[in-house]
Amino acid sequence: MKAQRSVRVTAVLAAVALTFTMTTGTVAALGGSATTTTGDALEIEVTSPTDAGVANAEAQSLVVAGTAALGGASVDAAMYVVDLSGSTTVVQGLDCDGSGTVDADDDLNGDGRIGDILDCEISGIEALNQSLLAIDDLDIGMVAFGSSASVVDLGPGPGAQDFVPPTIDADNSGELDLEEAAEGLIVTEARQFTTRNVGPGTNFNQALATTNTALASRPAGENHVVFFMSDGLAPLATGPGSPLANATDSGTIVNTFAIGVTNGCAAGQALRTIADRTNGTCTVVDDPSTLQSALTGGGVAGISSVEVSLNGAAAVTASINQVGTWQAVVAAPNLGSNTVVATVTADDGTTATSTVTFEGVPASQLASKITGVWMSSPDGGVFALGGATFHGSMGATALNQPIVNLAATPTGNGYWLVAADGGIFAFGDATFHGSTGNITLNSPIVGMAATPTGNGYWLIAADGGIFAFGDATFHGSTGNITLNSPIVGMAATPTGNGYLLVAADGGQFAYGDAQFFGSLATLSLSAPVNGLAVTVG
């Protein structure tokens, strides 16, 4: 369990900030390891579902997730290295966002050029960043390069923010800071947060040197991986004391991507040499619009596959990114005992296996499996009690507005914090799906609820306005009704097809498949209502 930060607990907790883990027993999966023929440690761990935990047996499928590593090296920091040279704007009309249509949404940086290579780089960065959200304690940096190179400022705080967690939306813009910075990249220039000009050329040596300097500022003993993207060919210094030699000596793994350059990974080419010398991989991306899948797939060098089986059924091949996070969708679990077996195979045929056993229960019984609790405070502090695991907090960050609520993911392996302005902060396996941080609200946000899949959530404002993100569906609100008392909380139905709102006077409002069971609005209360929860029978 990760150490929790030292905090001073105030007397006031964030409103309706109590939530529960949906696990029993230990929260750590049973990891497996083996030694390859070259003496490297091959490791795999299932992180969801948890060993001795529970899962919804009435769901249509089960998402199994975990981590795999070769050489015992989990990644502490990753760097996105992005080519801003003039050639990245030459090819246009690409479906960079993968929507199936080339339209204005493919102009990701708003420079008026729809679907150029730079837009596809930005889209790839955003997809890669989303794939890394669930990794605890991971920091991300970004280097932009052209004729020269510069570390990109990744946040609104004072001074340069060279590294930030992939989950942070510190300026409450409704967009993750890393992705906001990526969309601020235009040819020759990074313009978001702090303007940095790098010129129109292609200089791999400068890109590597700047990356080395940034990573050298990190704590000693860390493991680093770099995602190096370019549509060009350029000279590369390889001798002693060169940026490449320094990257190799530091143990940094550099995965390179030759975008639209068919021979970019041929023997002797610079991108191939960079990858080979640093134990990375070189990937040719013939169609720049497929860069998303190239960056989020590809796997870990030396690992050929991760296979996942539920209850002895045919194994499903998991998708694995280049920092070792993997995920597979298998059939729904049975009622009662279930076993997941995940097997990682190295290129030399060595295998390691992680096995977890968990209980499949009806959705109505999930609440009976509660063994822990999270509490949040207005300053963003999170407190894990019982069997709950601490995944992070905003306690060390200056917030624009106080935290008002907390919601857990269905797995119990993560949570979201929501601020009064609708800023969302995701931890553990919680995923950022959007926020109202960039919207002028008529009333402050007072609560939130997650969908049963964990792939979306609703935010509720004091005037009853509902804001739906991800796979959450809008079913109605009191935003256009004059209320006798403000809304103070909400709860979703187990199906995710409805929700209940409650006001401070006990008035209740039901939408979707939620049922109205009565209210307290006609009673004289000694104190206002401040929340509600649903029962399942």
Protein backbone atom coordinates (compact mmCIF):
# COMPACT_ATOMS: atom_id res chain seq x y z
CA MET A 1 0.00 0.00 0.00
CA LYS A 2 1.31 3.38 -0.99
CA ALA A 3 2.26 5.69 1.85
CA GLN A 4 -0.27 8.39 2.47
CA ARG A 5 0.80 11.98 2.66
CA SER A 6 1.03 13.61 6.05
CA VAL A 7 -2.01 15.85 6.52
CA ARG A 8 -3.75 17.86 9.17
CA VAL A 9 -7.29 16.53 9.34
CA THR A 10 -9.77 19.39 9.53
CA ALA A 11 -13.05 19.05 11.31
CA VAL A 12 -15.04 19.26 8.09
CA LEU A 13 -15.09 16.52 5.48
CA ALA A 14 -16.20 17.22 1.92
CA ALA A 15 -19.95 16.84 1.60
CA VAL A 16 -21.12 13.31 0.85
CA ALA A 17 -17.47 12.24 0.61
CA LEU A 18 -17.84 8.75 2.04
CA THR A 19 -17.37 5.84 -0.32
CA PHE A 20 -16.62 2.17 -0.08
CA THR A 21 -14.32 -0.41 -1.63
CA MET A 22 -16.07 -3.27 -3.34
CA THR A 23 -13.42 -5.82 -2.37
CA THR A 24 -12.86 -8.35 0.36
CA GLY A 25 -9.64 -9.71 1.78
CA THR A 26 -6.41 -8.50 0.29
CA VAL A 27 -6.38 -5.88 -2.42
CA ALA A 28 -3.13 -7.04 -4.02
CA ALA A 29 -3.20 -9.58 -6.82
CA LEU A 30 -1.00 -12.65 -6.70
CA GLY A 31 1.85 -11.77 -9.06
CA GLY A 32 3.93 -14.29 -10.92
CA SER A 33 7.54 -14.19 -12.07
CA ALA A 34 10.07 -16.25 -13.99
CA THR A 35 13.61 -15.85 -15.29
CA THR A 36 14.22 -15.70 -19.03
CA THR A 37 17.07 -17.49 -20.79
CA THR A 38 18.98 -14.20 -20.75
CA GLY A 39 18.60 -13.87 -16.97
CA ASP A 40 15.94 -11.14 -16.99
CA ALA A 41 13.02 -11.18 -14.56
CA LEU A 42 9.66 -11.65 -16.32
CA GLU A 43 6.76 -10.48 -14.15
CA ILE A 44 2.99 -10.23 -14.37
CA GLU A 45 0.30 -9.11 -11.96
CA VAL A 46 -3.48 -9.00 -12.17
CA THR A 47 -4.68 -5.79 -10.52
CA SER A 48 -8.39 -6.08 -11.34
CA PRO A 49 -10.34 -8.01 -10.24
CA THR A 50 -8.55 -8.27 -6.93
CA ASP A 51 -7.71 -11.57 -5.26
CA ALA A 52 -10.47 -12.62 -2.83
CA GLY A 53 -12.56 -9.74 -4.20
CA VAL A 54 -15.97 -9.65 -5.81
CA ALA A 55 -17.36 -8.83 -9.24
CA ASN A 56 -20.81 -8.36 -10.69
CA ALA A 57 -21.98 -11.72 -12.09
CA GLU A 58 -24.88 -10.00 -13.84
CA ALA A 59 -22.63 -7.85 -16.01
CA GLN A 60 -22.29 -8.64 -19.71
CA SER A 61 -18.51 -8.98 -19.50
CA LEU A 62 -15.55 -8.58 -17.16
CA VAL A 63 -12.58 -6.29 -17.70
CA VAL A 64 -9.36 -7.88 -16.44
CA ALA A 65 -6.40 -5.54 -16.06
CA GLY A 66 -2.86 -5.69 -14.79
CA THR A 67 0.80 -4.98 -15.40
CA ALA A 68 3.67 -6.88 -16.99
CA ALA A 69 7.40 -6.14 -16.94
CA LEU A 70 10.65 -7.57 -18.24
CA GLY A 71 13.80 -6.95 -16.25
CA GLY A 72 11.89 -6.01 -13.11
CA ALA A 73 11.53 -2.41 -14.24
CA SER A 74 8.23 -0.69 -13.59
CA VAL A 75 8.13 2.76 -15.19
CA ASP A 76 8.39 5.83 -12.95
CA ALA A 77 8.41 8.53 -15.62
CA ALA A 78 7.59 8.67 -19.32
CA MET A 79 8.45 11.33 -21.88
CA TYR A 80 6.55 12.23 -25.04
CA VAL A 81 9.01 13.59 -27.63
CA VAL A 82 7.17 15.34 -30.46
CA ASP A 83 8.38 16.53 -33.88
CA LEU A 84 7.17 20.10 -34.67
CA SER A 85 9.22 20.50 -37.85
CA GLY A 86 7.76 22.17 -40.92
CA SER A 87 7.18 18.87 -42.70
CA THR A 88 4.53 17.84 -40.14
CA THR A 89 2.07 20.21 -41.84
CA VAL A 90 2.66 19.11 -45.46
CA VAL A 91 0.33 16.10 -45.54
CA GLN A 92 -3.26 17.02 -44.60
CA GLY A 93 -6.75 15.51 -44.75
CA LEU A 94 -6.03 12.64 -42.36
CA ASP A 95 -8.58 11.12 -39.96
CA CYS A 96 -6.35 11.80 -36.97
CA ASP A 97 -9.00 11.36 -34.27
CA GLY A 98 -10.09 7.98 -35.64
CA SER A 99 -13.75 8.97 -35.99
CA GLY A 100 -14.04 7.58 -39.51
CA THR A 101 -14.58 11.05 -40.96
CA VAL A 102 -12.16 13.83 -41.81
CA ASP A 103 -13.66 16.97 -40.34
CA ALA A 104 -12.90 19.99 -38.17
CA ASP A 105 -12.33 17.73 -35.17
CA ASP A 106 -9.17 16.48 -36.89
CA ASP A 107 -7.63 19.95 -36.49
CA LEU A 108 -6.60 19.18 -32.95
CA ASN A 109 -4.38 22.23 -32.45
CA GLY A 110 -6.75 24.69 -34.13
CA ASP A 111 -4.19 25.98 -36.61
CA GLY A 112 -6.59 25.76 -39.55
CA ARG A 113 -4.89 22.71 -41.10
CA ILE A 114 -7.26 19.78 -40.84
CA GLY A 115 -5.69 16.40 -40.23
CA ASP A 116 -2.00 17.04 -40.76
CA ILE A 117 0.75 14.86 -39.31
CA LEU A 118 1.12 17.12 -36.29
CA ASP A 119 -2.61 16.71 -35.57
CA CYS A 120 -2.09 12.94 -35.67
CA GLU A 121 0.85 13.26 -33.27
CA ILE A 122 -1.38 15.19 -30.88
CA SER A 123 -4.19 12.66 -31.19
CA GLY A 124 -1.71 9.86 -30.55
CA ILE A 125 -0.38 11.60 -27.44
CA GLU A 126 -3.91 11.98 -26.08
CA ALA A 127 -4.70 8.31 -26.69
CA LEU A 128 -1.40 7.26 -25.10
CA ASN A 129 -2.03 9.51 -22.11
CA GLN A 130 -5.48 7.99 -21.60
CA SER A 131 -3.94 4.51 -21.63
CA LEU A 132 -1.60 5.50 -18.80
CA LEU A 133 -4.16 7.06 -16.45
CA ALA A 134 -4.52 4.02 -14.20
CA ILE A 135 -0.80 3.73 -13.40
CA ASP A 136 -0.12 4.96 -9.87
CA ASP A 137 2.90 7.21 -9.26
CA LEU A 138 3.63 7.77 -12.96
CA ASP A 139 4.83 11.21 -14.07
CA ILE A 140 4.84 12.41 -17.66
CA GLY A 141 7.02 14.98 -19.41
CA MET A 142 7.00 16.31 -22.96
CA VAL A 143 9.76 17.55 -25.26
CA ALA A 144 9.02 19.43 -28.48
CA PHE A 145 11.72 19.57 -31.12
CA GLY A 146 12.51 21.09 -34.48
CA SER A 147 15.83 22.76 -35.22
CA SER A 148 16.26 22.92 -31.44
CA ALA A 149 14.33 21.32 -28.59
CA SER A 150 12.57 22.41 -25.42
CA VAL A 151 10.78 20.83 -22.49
CA VAL A 152 7.08 21.72 -22.75
CA ASP A 153 5.45 23.44 -19.78
CA LEU A 154 2.64 21.11 -18.68
CA GLY A 155 0.68 23.14 -16.19
CA PRO A 156 -0.61 26.53 -15.10
CA GLY A 157 1.31 26.71 -11.83
CA PRO A 158 4.17 29.09 -11.09
CA GLY A 159 7.40 28.13 -12.81
CA ALA A 160 7.76 25.41 -15.41
CA GLN A 161 5.84 22.19 -14.83
CA ASP A 162 8.25 19.75 -16.49
CA PHE A 163 6.54 16.61 -15.18
CA VAL A 164 2.94 16.05 -14.11
CA PRO A 165 0.76 12.99 -13.46
CA PRO A 166 -1.31 12.06 -16.53
CA THR A 167 -4.54 12.56 -14.53
CA ILE A 168 -4.18 16.23 -13.58
CA ASP A 169 -6.46 19.07 -14.68
CA ALA A 170 -4.92 21.71 -12.43
CA ASP A 171 -6.49 24.67 -14.21
CA ASN A 172 -9.96 23.06 -14.14
CA SER A 173 -10.33 23.65 -17.87
CA GLY A 174 -12.27 20.43 -18.37
CA GLU A 175 -9.28 18.91 -20.16
CA LEU A 176 -6.27 17.13 -18.72
CA ASP A 177 -3.25 19.45 -18.57
CA LEU A 178 -1.07 17.10 -20.63
CA GLU A 179 -3.66 16.94 -23.39
CA GLU A 180 -4.20 20.69 -23.21
CA ALA A 181 -0.46 21.18 -23.66
CA ALA A 182 -0.45 18.74 -26.59
CA GLU A 183 -3.22 20.67 -28.33
CA GLY A 184 -1.10 23.80 -27.90
CA LEU A 185 1.59 22.37 -30.19
CA ILE A 186 1.82 24.06 -33.59
CA VAL A 187 4.57 23.92 -36.20
CA THR A 188 7.84 25.16 -34.60
CA GLU A 189 6.16 26.14 -31.31
CA ALA A 190 4.64 24.98 -28.03
CA ARG A 191 2.22 27.72 -27.02
CA GLN A 192 0.16 26.49 -24.07
CA PHE A 193 1.06 27.61 -20.52
CA THR A 194 4.49 28.90 -21.68
CA THR A 195 5.55 29.63 -25.27
CA ARG A 196 8.60 27.69 -26.46
CA ASN A 197 9.93 28.05 -30.04
CA VAL A 198 11.98 25.19 -31.50
CA GLY A 199 12.36 26.17 -35.17
CA PRO A 200 11.36 24.39 -38.40
CA GLY A 201 14.14 21.79 -38.81
CA THR A 202 14.60 18.22 -37.56
CA ASN A 203 17.31 17.73 -34.96
CA PHE A 204 17.31 14.33 -33.26
CA ASN A 205 20.46 15.13 -31.28
CA GLN A 206 18.87 18.17 -29.65
CA ALA A 207 15.69 16.20 -28.94
CA LEU A 208 17.67 13.47 -27.15
CA ALA A 209 19.89 15.93 -25.28
CA THR A 210 16.89 17.86 -23.94
CA THR A 211 15.15 14.63 -22.99
CA ASN A 212 18.27 13.45 -21.13
CA THR A 213 18.52 16.72 -19.20
CA ALA A 214 14.87 16.59 -18.16
CA LEU A 215 15.04 12.97 -17.02
CA ALA A 216 18.30 13.62 -15.15
CA SER A 217 16.35 15.93 -12.86
CA ARG A 218 14.27 12.99 -11.66
CA PRO A 219 15.08 11.00 -8.49
CA ALA A 220 17.96 8.55 -8.76
CA GLY A 221 17.13 4.92 -9.45
CA GLU A 222 14.00 5.57 -11.48
CA ASN A 223 13.07 3.74 -14.68
CA HIS A 224 12.24 5.88 -17.70
CA VAL A 225 10.62 5.24 -21.07
CA VAL A 226 10.45 7.66 -24.01
CA PHE A 227 7.98 7.81 -26.92
CA PHE A 228 9.90 9.53 -29.73
CA MET A 229 7.79 10.59 -32.76
CA SER A 230 9.06 12.00 -36.05
CA ASP A 231 8.10 12.15 -39.71
CA GLY A 232 11.67 12.84 -40.77
CA LEU A 233 15.15 11.45 -41.27
CA ALA A 234 18.02 13.30 -39.61
CA PRO A 235 21.72 12.89 -38.77
CA LEU A 236 22.48 11.22 -35.46
CA ALA A 237 25.62 11.35 -33.34
CA THR A 238 26.42 7.95 -31.83
CA GLY A 239 29.91 8.27 -30.35
CA PRO A 240 30.98 8.54 -26.69
CA GLY A 241 29.45 11.57 -25.00
CA SER A 242 26.73 11.91 -27.64
CA PRO A 243 23.11 12.39 -26.51
CA LEU A 244 22.34 8.85 -27.67
CA ALA A 245 25.27 7.42 -25.72
CA ASN A 246 24.14 9.32 -22.62
CA ALA A 247 20.59 8.02 -22.98
CA THR A 248 21.92 4.49 -23.32
CA ASP A 249 24.20 4.86 -20.29
CA SER A 250 21.32 6.16 -18.15
CA GLY A 251 19.18 3.11 -18.94
CA THR A 252 16.42 5.11 -20.62
CA ILE A 253 14.33 3.04 -23.02
CA VAL A 254 13.45 4.98 -26.17
CA ASN A 255 10.66 3.68 -28.39
CA THR A 256 10.67 5.44 -31.76
CA PHE A 257 7.89 5.97 -34.29
CA ALA A 258 8.62 6.70 -37.95
CA ILE A 259 5.46 8.50 -39.09
CA GLY A 260 4.82 8.16 -42.81
CA VAL A 261 8.46 7.24 -43.40
CA THR A 262 8.49 3.75 -44.90
CA ASN A 263 12.21 3.20 -44.40
CA GLY A 264 12.38 5.04 -41.06
CA CYS A 265 13.11 1.84 -39.15
CA ALA A 266 15.49 0.31 -41.68
CA ALA A 267 18.89 -0.76 -40.42
CA GLY A 268 21.20 2.22 -40.12
CA GLN A 269 18.44 4.81 -39.99
CA ALA A 270 18.53 7.15 -37.00
CA LEU A 271 15.21 6.13 -35.45
CA ARG A 272 16.15 2.46 -35.68
CA THR A 273 19.57 3.14 -34.16
CA ILE A 274 18.06 5.09 -31.25
CA ALA A 275 15.66 2.24 -30.46
CA ASP A 276 18.28 -0.49 -30.85
CA ARG A 277 20.87 1.22 -28.65
CA THR A 278 18.36 1.88 -25.82
CA ASN A 279 16.57 -1.49 -25.89
CA GLY A 280 13.45 0.10 -27.32
CA THR A 281 11.42 -0.67 -30.42
CA CYS A 282 11.18 1.19 -33.73
CA THR A 283 7.71 1.23 -35.30
CA VAL A 284 6.91 2.33 -38.84
CA VAL A 285 3.54 4.11 -38.94
CA ASP A 286 2.84 4.19 -42.69
CA ASP A 287 -0.57 5.79 -42.17
CA PRO A 288 -0.24 8.68 -39.69
CA SER A 289 -3.92 8.33 -38.77
CA THR A 290 -3.07 4.99 -37.10
CA LEU A 291 -0.57 6.54 -34.71
CA GLN A 292 -3.10 6.22 -31.86
CA SER A 293 -3.05 2.43 -32.04
CA ALA A 294 0.72 2.34 -32.63
CA LEU A 295 1.38 4.33 -29.44
CA THR A 296 -1.16 2.58 -27.21
CA GLY A 297 -0.26 -0.91 -28.46
CA GLY A 298 3.09 -2.23 -29.40
CA GLY A 299 3.71 -3.82 -26.04
CA VAL A 300 6.92 -4.07 -24.04
CA ALA A 301 10.17 -4.92 -25.79
CA GLY A 302 10.94 -8.59 -25.15
CA ILE A 303 7.34 -9.50 -24.25
CA SER A 304 5.42 -11.26 -27.03
CA SER A 305 1.97 -11.53 -25.45
CA VAL A 306 -0.32 -11.51 -22.43
CA GLU A 307 -3.15 -14.06 -22.46
CA VAL A 308 -6.09 -14.02 -20.04
CA SER A 309 -8.46 -16.89 -19.24
CA LEU A 310 -11.53 -16.93 -17.00
CA ASN A 311 -12.54 -20.26 -15.46
CA GLY A 312 -10.53 -22.31 -17.95
CA ALA A 313 -12.18 -20.83 -21.05
CA ALA A 314 -10.20 -20.07 -24.20
CA ALA A 315 -7.62 -17.40 -23.52
CA VAL A 316 -8.16 -13.83 -24.72
CA THR A 317 -5.19 -11.82 -25.93
CA ALA A 318 -4.81 -8.66 -23.88
CA SER A 319 -3.85 -5.29 -25.29
CA ILE A 320 -0.61 -4.06 -23.72
CA ASN A 321 1.00 -0.66 -24.00
CA GLN A 322 4.70 0.11 -23.95
CA VAL A 323 4.88 0.72 -20.21
CA GLY A 324 3.39 -2.70 -19.48
CA THR A 325 -0.21 -1.90 -18.57
CA TRP A 326 -2.54 -4.48 -20.11
CA GLN A 327 -6.28 -5.09 -20.34
CA ALA A 328 -8.54 -7.83 -21.66
CA VAL A 329 -12.33 -8.20 -21.85
CA VAL A 330 -13.58 -11.69 -21.01
CA ALA A 331 -17.02 -13.22 -20.46
CA ALA A 332 -19.10 -12.39 -17.41
CA PRO A 333 -18.08 -14.27 -14.24
CA ASN A 334 -20.18 -17.08 -12.79
CA LEU A 335 -22.11 -16.80 -9.57
CA GLY A 336 -19.79 -18.10 -6.88
CA SER A 337 -16.07 -18.76 -7.21
CA ASN A 338 -14.19 -17.64 -10.31
CA THR A 339 -10.53 -17.85 -11.31
CA VAL A 340 -8.63 -15.56 -13.66
CA VAL A 341 -5.29 -16.74 -15.02
CA ALA A 342 -3.07 -14.24 -16.84
CA THR A 343 0.05 -15.49 -18.61
CA VAL A 344 2.86 -13.34 -19.99
CA THR A 345 5.18 -14.83 -22.59
CA ALA A 346 8.64 -13.47 -23.37
CA ASP A 347 10.15 -13.55 -26.83
CA ASP A 348 12.29 -16.55 -25.84
CA GLY A 349 9.19 -18.53 -24.81
CA THR A 350 9.56 -18.06 -21.04
CA THR A 351 6.20 -17.66 -19.31
CA ALA A 352 5.01 -16.31 -15.97
CA THR A 353 1.50 -16.58 -14.57
CA SER A 354 -0.64 -14.56 -12.17
CA THR A 355 -3.78 -16.12 -10.73
CA VAL A 356 -6.59 -14.48 -8.78
CA THR A 357 -9.71 -16.02 -7.34
CA PHE A 358 -12.78 -13.89 -6.72
CA GLU A 359 -16.49 -14.25 -6.08
CA GLY A 360 -19.18 -13.47 -8.63
CA VAL A 361 -22.24 -12.05 -6.93
CA PRO A 362 -25.51 -10.46 -8.04
CA ALA A 363 -25.41 -6.69 -8.27
CA SER A 364 -27.77 -6.52 -5.30
CA GLN A 365 -25.18 -8.20 -3.06
CA LEU A 366 -22.21 -6.01 -3.90
CA ALA A 367 -22.95 -3.64 -1.04
CA SER A 368 -22.68 -6.50 1.46
CA LYS A 369 -19.02 -6.92 0.49
CA ILE A 370 -17.90 -3.54 1.75
CA THR A 371 -14.72 -3.76 3.84
CA GLY A 372 -13.25 -0.27 3.64
CA VAL A 373 -13.96 3.38 3.18
CA TRP A 374 -12.45 6.51 1.64
CA MET A 375 -13.08 9.98 2.98
CA SER A 376 -12.12 13.23 1.33
CA SER A 377 -11.65 16.71 2.77
CA PRO A 378 -12.21 20.09 1.08
CA ASP A 379 -8.46 20.58 0.54
CA GLY A 380 -8.34 17.39 -1.55
CA GLY A 381 -6.95 15.11 1.14
CA VAL A 382 -8.04 11.47 0.89
CA PHE A 383 -8.13 9.13 3.86
CA ALA A 384 -8.28 5.34 3.35
CA LEU A 385 -9.73 3.27 6.20
CA GLY A 386 -10.21 -0.46 6.67
CA GLY A 387 -9.47 -2.41 3.51
CA ALA A 388 -9.49 0.65 1.25
CA THR A 389 -6.27 1.48 -0.60
CA PHE A 390 -4.89 5.00 -0.95
CA HIS A 391 -4.42 5.88 -4.64
CA GLY A 392 -3.54 9.55 -4.37
CA SER A 393 -5.01 12.90 -3.46
CA MET A 394 -4.97 16.60 -4.27
CA GLY A 395 -3.87 17.55 -0.78
CA ALA A 396 -0.52 18.95 -1.96
CA THR A 397 -2.05 20.93 -4.84
CA ALA A 398 -3.54 24.43 -4.72
CA LEU A 399 -7.15 24.07 -5.87
CA ASN A 400 -9.32 26.71 -7.50
CA GLN A 401 -12.35 25.40 -5.60
CA PRO A 402 -12.76 22.98 -2.69
CA ILE A 403 -13.43 19.29 -3.13
CA VAL A 404 -17.10 18.54 -2.44
CA ASN A 405 -17.54 14.85 -3.22
CA LEU A 406 -15.82 11.54 -3.96
CA ALA A 407 -17.02 8.51 -5.95
CA ALA A 408 -15.48 5.05 -6.25
CA THR A 409 -14.97 3.01 -9.41
CA PRO A 410 -16.93 -0.25 -9.67
CA THR A 411 -13.76 -2.27 -9.07
CA GLY A 412 -12.92 -0.47 -5.85
CA ASN A 413 -9.45 0.19 -7.25
CA GLY A 414 -9.81 3.92 -7.78
CA TYR A 415 -11.88 7.02 -7.22
CA TRP A 416 -12.73 10.46 -8.52
CA LEU A 417 -12.69 13.70 -6.58
CA VAL A 418 -14.95 16.54 -7.74
CA ALA A 419 -14.52 20.20 -6.86
CA ALA A 420 -17.23 22.85 -6.51
CA ASP A 421 -16.43 24.18 -9.98
CA GLY A 422 -16.78 20.68 -11.46
CA GLY A 423 -13.06 19.99 -11.74
CA ILE A 424 -12.46 16.21 -11.80
CA PHE A 425 -9.39 14.46 -10.41
CA ALA A 426 -8.99 10.74 -11.16
CA PHE A 427 -6.89 8.26 -9.19
CA GLY A 428 -6.20 4.53 -9.37
CA ASP A 429 -8.20 2.93 -12.19
CA ALA A 430 -10.60 5.88 -12.38
CA THR A 431 -10.54 7.53 -15.81
CA PHE A 432 -11.06 11.20 -16.61
CA HIS A 433 -14.08 11.61 -18.92
CA GLY A 434 -14.54 15.36 -18.75
CA SER A 435 -15.50 18.10 -16.32
CA THR A 436 -17.28 21.44 -16.01
CA GLY A 437 -14.08 23.18 -14.96
CA ASN A 438 -14.18 25.32 -18.12
CA ILE A 439 -17.89 26.16 -17.87
CA THR A 440 -19.42 29.11 -16.04
CA LEU A 441 -21.93 27.40 -13.77
CA ASN A 442 -25.14 28.92 -12.47
CA SER A 443 -24.68 26.99 -9.23
CA PRO A 444 -21.74 25.08 -7.74
CA ILE A 445 -21.32 21.33 -8.13
CA VAL A 446 -22.37 19.50 -4.96
CA GLY A 447 -22.01 15.83 -5.86
CA MET A 448 -21.36 13.10 -8.41
CA ALA A 449 -22.19 9.47 -9.16
CA ALA A 450 -20.40 6.92 -11.33
CA THR A 451 -22.01 4.64 -13.91
CA PRO A 452 -21.99 0.88 -13.25
CA THR A 453 -19.24 0.38 -15.86
CA GLY A 454 -16.97 3.04 -14.41
CA ASN A 455 -16.72 4.52 -17.90
CA GLY A 456 -18.66 7.65 -17.05
CA TYR A 457 -20.20 9.78 -14.34
CA TRP A 458 -22.76 12.46 -13.59
CA LEU A 459 -22.13 15.75 -11.80
CA ILE A 460 -24.95 17.50 -9.97
CA ALA A 461 -25.15 21.23 -9.25
CA ALA A 462 -26.98 22.90 -6.39
CA ASP A 463 -29.72 24.11 -8.76
CA GLY A 464 -30.26 20.52 -9.93
CA GLY A 465 -28.37 20.85 -13.20
CA ILE A 466 -27.00 17.51 -14.38
CA PHE A 467 -23.82 17.12 -16.41
CA ALA A 468 -23.20 13.70 -17.99
CA PHE A 469 -19.76 12.47 -19.12
CA GLY A 470 -18.44 9.26 -20.68
CA ASP A 471 -21.16 6.62 -20.97
CA ALA A 472 -23.42 8.42 -18.48
CA THR A 473 -26.77 9.39 -20.02
CA PHE A 474 -28.76 12.52 -19.26
CA HIS A 475 -32.24 11.56 -18.00
CA GLY A 476 -33.45 14.96 -16.80
CA SER A 477 -32.73 17.60 -14.17
CA THR A 478 -34.27 20.31 -12.01
CA GLY A 479 -32.06 22.94 -13.60
CA ASN A 480 -35.10 24.77 -15.04
CA ILE A 481 -37.24 24.43 -11.91
CA THR A 482 -37.43 26.95 -9.07
CA LEU A 483 -36.52 24.87 -6.03
CA ASN A 484 -37.58 25.50 -2.45
CA SER A 485 -34.15 24.29 -1.28
CA PRO A 486 -30.89 23.56 -3.12
CA ILE A 487 -29.96 20.08 -4.32
CA VAL A 488 -27.35 18.53 -2.03
CA GLY A 489 -26.72 15.06 -3.49
CA MET A 490 -27.53 12.35 -6.00
CA ALA A 491 -27.43 8.58 -6.37
CA ALA A 492 -27.51 6.45 -9.51
CA THR A 493 -29.68 3.35 -9.90
CA PRO A 494 -27.86 -0.01 -10.14
CA THR A 495 -28.62 -0.21 -13.87
CA GLY A 496 -27.13 3.21 -14.59
CA ASN A 497 -30.33 4.10 -16.43
CA GLY A 498 -31.54 6.63 -13.90
CA TYR A 499 -30.77 8.64 -10.81
CA LEU A 500 -32.30 10.29 -7.77
CA LEU A 501 -31.66 13.86 -6.61
CA VAL A 502 -32.30 15.11 -3.09
CA ALA A 503 -32.69 18.68 -1.85
CA ALA A 504 -31.77 20.15 1.53
CA ASP A 505 -35.43 20.09 2.57
CA GLY A 506 -35.68 16.37 1.76
CA GLY A 507 -37.41 16.84 -1.57
CA GLN A 508 -36.68 13.96 -3.92
CA PHE A 509 -36.60 13.97 -7.73
CA ALA A 510 -36.47 10.73 -9.75
CA TYR A 511 -35.32 10.41 -13.38
CA GLY A 512 -34.87 7.53 -15.82
CA ASP A 513 -35.65 4.18 -14.17
CA ALA A 514 -35.34 5.63 -10.66
CA GLN A 515 -38.52 5.35 -8.57
CA PHE A 516 -39.95 8.04 -6.33
CA PHE A 517 -40.36 6.68 -2.79
CA GLY A 518 -41.45 9.83 -1.04
CA SER A 519 -39.82 12.91 0.42
CA LEU A 520 -39.34 14.88 3.62
CA ALA A 521 -40.28 18.21 2.07
CA THR A 522 -43.55 18.43 4.03
CA LEU A 523 -41.84 17.82 7.38
CA SER A 524 -40.23 20.35 9.70
CA LEU A 525 -36.62 19.16 9.91
CA SER A 526 -34.28 20.04 12.76
CA ALA A 527 -31.37 20.11 10.30
CA PRO A 528 -31.13 20.06 6.50
CA VAL A 529 -30.69 16.85 4.53
CA ASN A 530 -27.19 16.50 3.07
CA GLY A 531 -27.26 13.28 1.02
CA LEU A 532 -28.98 10.07 -0.01
CA ALA A 533 -28.18 6.49 -1.00
CA VAL A 534 -30.21 3.79 -2.72
CA THR A 535 -30.98 0.32 -1.38
CA VAL A 536 -31.08 -2.74 -3.62
CA GLY A 537 -33.35 -5.65 -2.88
